């Protein structure tokens, strides 16, 4: 299980799944595919929109208007999580 920062956003995925969402080149299709896996979408569905927005705000990569889109935030967070998991292992 991977826990991100101080917001209680947890993700339980395999290393292989994390690696599939974090690689050279565009990862959009792979992240979209991961989001369709029942084990992952159930976890994403439990994330609180405000906690997720606050966590992503710390990256400074998106403005307020962009962070208002919860679906996009789920995509961003899963992609970042895959990168963090891959980097830590």
C-alpha atoms as a PDB file:
ATOM      1  CA  UNK A   1       0.000   0.000   0.000  1.00  0.00           C
ATOM      2  CA  UNK A   2       1.154   3.485  -0.798  1.00  0.00           C
ATOM      3  CA  UNK A   3       0.106   6.481   1.264  1.00  0.00           C
ATOM      4  CA  UNK A   4       0.449   9.943  -0.155  1.00  0.00           C
ATOM      5  CA  UNK A   5       1.454  12.886   1.983  1.00  0.00           C
ATOM      6  CA  UNK A   6      -0.724  14.044   4.868  1.00  0.00           C
ATOM      7  CA  UNK A   7      -4.161  13.698   3.333  1.00  0.00           C
ATOM      8  CA  UNK A   8      -4.914  10.016   3.905  1.00  0.00           C
ATOM      9  CA  UNK A   9      -5.112   9.231   0.213  1.00  0.00           C
ATOM     10  CA  UNK A  10      -4.089   5.582   0.018  1.00  0.00           C
ATOM     11  CA  UNK A  11      -3.574   3.334  -2.951  1.00  0.00           C
ATOM     12  CA  UNK A  12      -3.021  -0.402  -2.992  1.00  0.00           C
ATOM     13  CA  UNK A  13      -1.664  -1.544  -6.366  1.00  0.00           C
ATOM     14  CA  UNK A  14       1.027  -3.907  -7.545  1.00  0.00           C
ATOM     15  CA  UNK A  15       4.470  -2.745  -8.568  1.00  0.00           C
ATOM     16  CA  UNK A  16       3.718  -3.932 -12.119  1.00  0.00           C
ATOM     17  CA  UNK A  17       0.564  -1.800 -12.196  1.00  0.00           C
ATOM     18  CA  UNK A  18       2.506   1.223 -10.942  1.00  0.00           C
ATOM     19  CA  UNK A  19       5.178   0.664 -13.571  1.00  0.00           C
ATOM     20  CA  UNK A  20       2.537   0.470 -16.281  1.00  0.00           C
ATOM     21  CA  UNK A  21       1.348   3.955 -15.295  1.00  0.00           C
ATOM     22  CA  UNK A  22       4.829   5.442 -15.079  1.00  0.00           C
ATOM     23  CA  UNK A  23       7.186   5.145 -18.021  1.00  0.00           C
ATOM     24  CA  UNK A  24       8.882   7.192 -20.697  1.00  0.00           C
ATOM     25  CA  UNK A  25       6.449   8.759 -23.118  1.00  0.00           C
ATOM     26  CA  UNK A  26       2.762   9.434 -22.761  1.00  0.00           C
ATOM     27  CA  UNK A  27       1.076   7.530 -19.931  1.00  0.00           C
ATOM     28  CA  UNK A  28      -2.485   8.778 -20.478  1.00  0.00           C
ATOM     29  CA  UNK A  29      -3.774   5.568 -22.058  1.00  0.00           C
ATOM     30  CA  UNK A  30      -2.165   3.420 -19.391  1.00  0.00           C
ATOM     31  CA  UNK A  31      -3.582   5.511 -16.552  1.00  0.00           C
ATOM     32  CA  UNK A  32      -7.015   5.389 -18.197  1.00  0.00           C
ATOM     33  CA  UNK A  33      -6.681   1.607 -18.380  1.00  0.00           C
ATOM     34  CA  UNK A  34      -5.658   1.319 -14.734  1.00  0.00           C
ATOM     35  CA  UNK A  35      -8.705   3.367 -13.751  1.00  0.00           C
ATOM     36  CA  UNK A  36     -10.958   0.703 -15.269  1.00  0.00           C
ATOM     37  CA  UNK A  37      -9.617  -2.058 -13.023  1.00  0.00           C
ATOM     38  CA  UNK A  38     -12.196  -2.758 -10.288  1.00  0.00           C
ATOM     39  CA  UNK A  39      -9.530  -2.915  -7.564  1.00  0.00           C
ATOM     40  CA  UNK A  40      -8.329   0.558  -8.509  1.00  0.00           C
ATOM     41  CA  UNK A  41     -11.592   2.348  -9.343  1.00  0.00           C
ATOM     42  CA  UNK A  42     -13.074   1.219  -6.015  1.00  0.00           C
ATOM     43  CA  UNK A  43     -10.164   2.873  -4.221  1.00  0.00           C
ATOM     44  CA  UNK A  44     -10.395   6.027  -6.308  1.00  0.00           C
ATOM     45  CA  UNK A  45     -14.126   6.253  -5.599  1.00  0.00           C
ATOM     46  CA  UNK A  46     -13.350   6.525  -1.873  1.00  0.00           C
ATOM     47  CA  UNK A  47     -11.062   9.540  -2.200  1.00  0.00           C
ATOM     48  CA  UNK A  48     -12.503  12.760  -0.844  1.00  0.00           C
ATOM     49  CA  UNK A  49     -12.503  15.458  -3.562  1.00  0.00           C
ATOM     50  CA  UNK A  50     -11.345  18.208  -1.196  1.00  0.00           C
ATOM     51  CA  UNK A  51      -8.457  16.141   0.234  1.00  0.00           C
ATOM     52  CA  UNK A  52      -7.363  15.209  -3.252  1.00  0.00           C
ATOM     53  CA  UNK A  53      -7.533  18.814  -4.436  1.00  0.00           C
ATOM     54  CA  UNK A  54      -5.509  19.988  -1.425  1.00  0.00           C
ATOM     55  CA  UNK A  55      -2.847  17.373  -2.040  1.00  0.00           C
ATOM     56  CA  UNK A  56      -2.550  18.216  -5.733  1.00  0.00           C
ATOM     57  CA  UNK A  57      -2.390  21.937  -4.906  1.00  0.00           C
ATOM     58  CA  UNK A  58       0.970  21.272  -3.222  1.00  0.00           C
ATOM     59  CA  UNK A  59       2.488  20.300  -6.570  1.00  0.00           C
ATOM     60  CA  UNK A  60       1.819  23.786  -7.947  1.00  0.00           C
ATOM     61  CA  UNK A  61       1.200  22.379 -11.417  1.00  0.00           C
ATOM     62  CA  UNK A  62      -2.507  23.174 -11.752  1.00  0.00           C
ATOM     63  CA  UNK A  63      -4.560  26.276 -11.095  1.00  0.00           C
ATOM     64  CA  UNK A  64      -7.771  26.504  -9.089  1.00  0.00           C
ATOM     65  CA  UNK A  65      -9.997  26.062 -12.112  1.00  0.00           C
ATOM     66  CA  UNK A  66      -8.158  22.921 -13.236  1.00  0.00           C
ATOM     67  CA  UNK A  67      -8.271  21.465  -9.726  1.00  0.00           C
ATOM     68  CA  UNK A  68     -12.047  21.942  -9.613  1.00  0.00           C
ATOM     69  CA  UNK A  69     -12.379  18.901 -11.929  1.00  0.00           C
ATOM     70  CA  UNK A  70     -12.460  15.868  -9.623  1.00  0.00           C
ATOM     71  CA  UNK A  71     -12.279  13.326 -12.461  1.00  0.00           C
ATOM     72  CA  UNK A  72      -9.147  15.001 -13.809  1.00  0.00           C
ATOM     73  CA  UNK A  73      -7.737  15.081 -10.273  1.00  0.00           C
ATOM     74  CA  UNK A  74      -8.253  11.339  -9.923  1.00  0.00           C
ATOM     75  CA  UNK A  75      -6.332  10.840 -13.170  1.00  0.00           C
ATOM     76  CA  UNK A  76      -3.529  13.182 -12.036  1.00  0.00           C
ATOM     77  CA  UNK A  77      -3.271  11.583  -8.615  1.00  0.00           C
ATOM     78  CA  UNK A  78      -3.130   8.035  -9.986  1.00  0.00           C
ATOM     79  CA  UNK A  79      -0.389   9.059 -12.427  1.00  0.00           C
ATOM     80  CA  UNK A  80       1.631  10.787  -9.673  1.00  0.00           C
ATOM     81  CA  UNK A  81       1.094   7.819  -7.364  1.00  0.00           C
ATOM     82  CA  UNK A  82       2.385   5.387  -9.970  1.00  0.00           C
ATOM     83  CA  UNK A  83       5.487   7.522 -10.358  1.00  0.00           C
ATOM     84  CA  UNK A  84       6.068   7.760  -6.622  1.00  0.00           C
ATOM     85  CA  UNK A  85       5.588   4.024  -6.119  1.00  0.00           C
ATOM     86  CA  UNK A  86       7.951   3.207  -8.985  1.00  0.00           C
ATOM     87  CA  UNK A  87      10.573   5.661  -7.721  1.00  0.00           C
ATOM     88  CA  UNK A  88      10.442   4.254  -4.176  1.00  0.00           C
ATOM     89  CA  UNK A  89      11.019   0.646  -5.241  1.00  0.00           C
END
